[in-house]
């Protein structure tokens, strides 16, 4: 799965052309989740509350960039993932 960001052990990934609605996937250890980009609705919930809070903060900051990746078809390549901590 193309990784677009990684922070505090949380991995954010997104596929261009993945099924609707547009969303990104989250991995945190053995936990997994999917978050809709438009309104940050949790499509698949399996994250500890603290990790989910960090993901929601990340999503708010990077929403525009995630939508650009979808529109430009860059999701599969993820040439330059965001890196932090």
Protein backbone atom coordinates (compact mmCIF):
# COMPACT_ATOMS: atom_id res chain seq x y z
CA UNK A 1 0.00 0.00 0.00
CA UNK A 2 1.57 3.33 -1.03
CA UNK A 3 2.66 5.19 2.07
CA UNK A 4 2.09 8.94 2.10
CA UNK A 5 3.01 9.76 5.71
CA UNK A 6 4.51 8.23 8.84
CA UNK A 7 4.59 9.67 12.36
CA UNK A 8 4.67 8.28 15.93
CA UNK A 9 4.46 4.74 14.54
CA UNK A 10 1.31 5.58 12.55
CA UNK A 11 1.40 4.91 8.81
CA UNK A 12 -0.98 6.71 6.42
CA UNK A 13 -1.43 5.16 2.97
CA UNK A 14 -3.68 5.80 0.00
CA UNK A 15 -4.43 4.17 -3.36
CA UNK A 16 -5.40 6.21 -6.40
CA UNK A 17 -8.44 4.54 -7.93
CA UNK A 18 -9.41 2.74 -4.70
CA UNK A 19 -13.12 2.16 -4.13
CA UNK A 20 -15.37 5.09 -3.20
CA UNK A 21 -15.68 7.12 -1.10
CA UNK A 22 -12.20 8.67 -1.31
CA UNK A 23 -10.36 7.64 1.84
CA UNK A 24 -6.97 6.85 3.32
CA UNK A 25 -5.83 3.82 5.27
CA UNK A 26 -4.16 3.90 8.67
CA UNK A 27 -1.87 1.31 10.27
CA UNK A 28 -0.65 1.50 13.83
CA UNK A 29 0.97 -1.72 15.02
CA UNK A 30 -1.71 -4.40 14.77
CA UNK A 31 -4.48 -1.78 14.41
CA UNK A 32 -6.06 -0.73 11.10
CA UNK A 33 -8.56 1.93 10.09
CA UNK A 34 -9.92 3.79 7.07
CA UNK A 35 -10.88 7.48 7.12
CA UNK A 36 -13.03 9.26 4.51
CA UNK A 37 -11.18 12.35 3.26
CA UNK A 38 -14.20 14.59 2.68
CA UNK A 39 -15.42 14.77 6.28
CA UNK A 40 -13.00 12.52 8.22
CA UNK A 41 -15.70 9.96 8.95
CA UNK A 42 -14.20 6.74 10.28
CA UNK A 43 -15.11 3.97 7.82
CA UNK A 44 -13.31 1.17 9.67
CA UNK A 45 -12.61 1.70 13.35
CA UNK A 46 -9.82 -0.21 15.00
CA UNK A 47 -7.44 2.40 16.42
CA UNK A 48 -6.79 3.33 20.02
CA UNK A 49 -8.36 6.73 20.86
CA UNK A 50 -5.01 8.53 21.18
CA UNK A 51 -3.80 7.29 17.78
CA UNK A 52 -7.15 8.20 16.20
CA UNK A 53 -6.83 11.72 17.60
CA UNK A 54 -3.36 12.11 16.07
CA UNK A 55 -4.66 10.83 12.73
CA UNK A 56 -7.54 13.32 12.79
CA UNK A 57 -5.10 16.17 13.44
CA UNK A 58 -2.93 14.97 10.56
CA UNK A 59 -6.00 14.72 8.30
CA UNK A 60 -7.09 18.27 9.05
CA UNK A 61 -3.65 19.61 8.15
CA UNK A 62 -3.19 17.47 5.00
CA UNK A 63 -6.72 17.23 3.58
CA UNK A 64 -5.92 19.41 0.56
CA UNK A 65 -2.79 17.48 -0.28
CA UNK A 66 -4.62 14.14 0.00
CA UNK A 67 -7.30 15.36 -2.40
CA UNK A 68 -4.60 16.60 -4.79
CA UNK A 69 -2.99 13.15 -4.76
CA UNK A 70 -6.31 11.57 -5.68
CA UNK A 71 -6.97 14.06 -8.44
CA UNK A 72 -3.48 13.83 -9.89
CA UNK A 73 -3.28 10.05 -9.73
CA UNK A 74 -0.23 10.13 -7.47
CA UNK A 75 -1.65 7.84 -4.77
CA UNK A 76 0.00 4.70 -6.10
CA UNK A 77 3.43 6.22 -6.53
CA UNK A 78 3.68 8.25 -3.31
CA UNK A 79 7.05 9.50 -4.50
CA UNK A 80 7.79 11.70 -1.50
CA UNK A 81 6.01 10.63 1.68
CA UNK A 82 5.75 13.04 4.59
CA UNK A 83 8.04 11.99 7.43
CA UNK A 84 7.95 13.06 11.04
CA UNK A 85 9.10 11.74 14.42
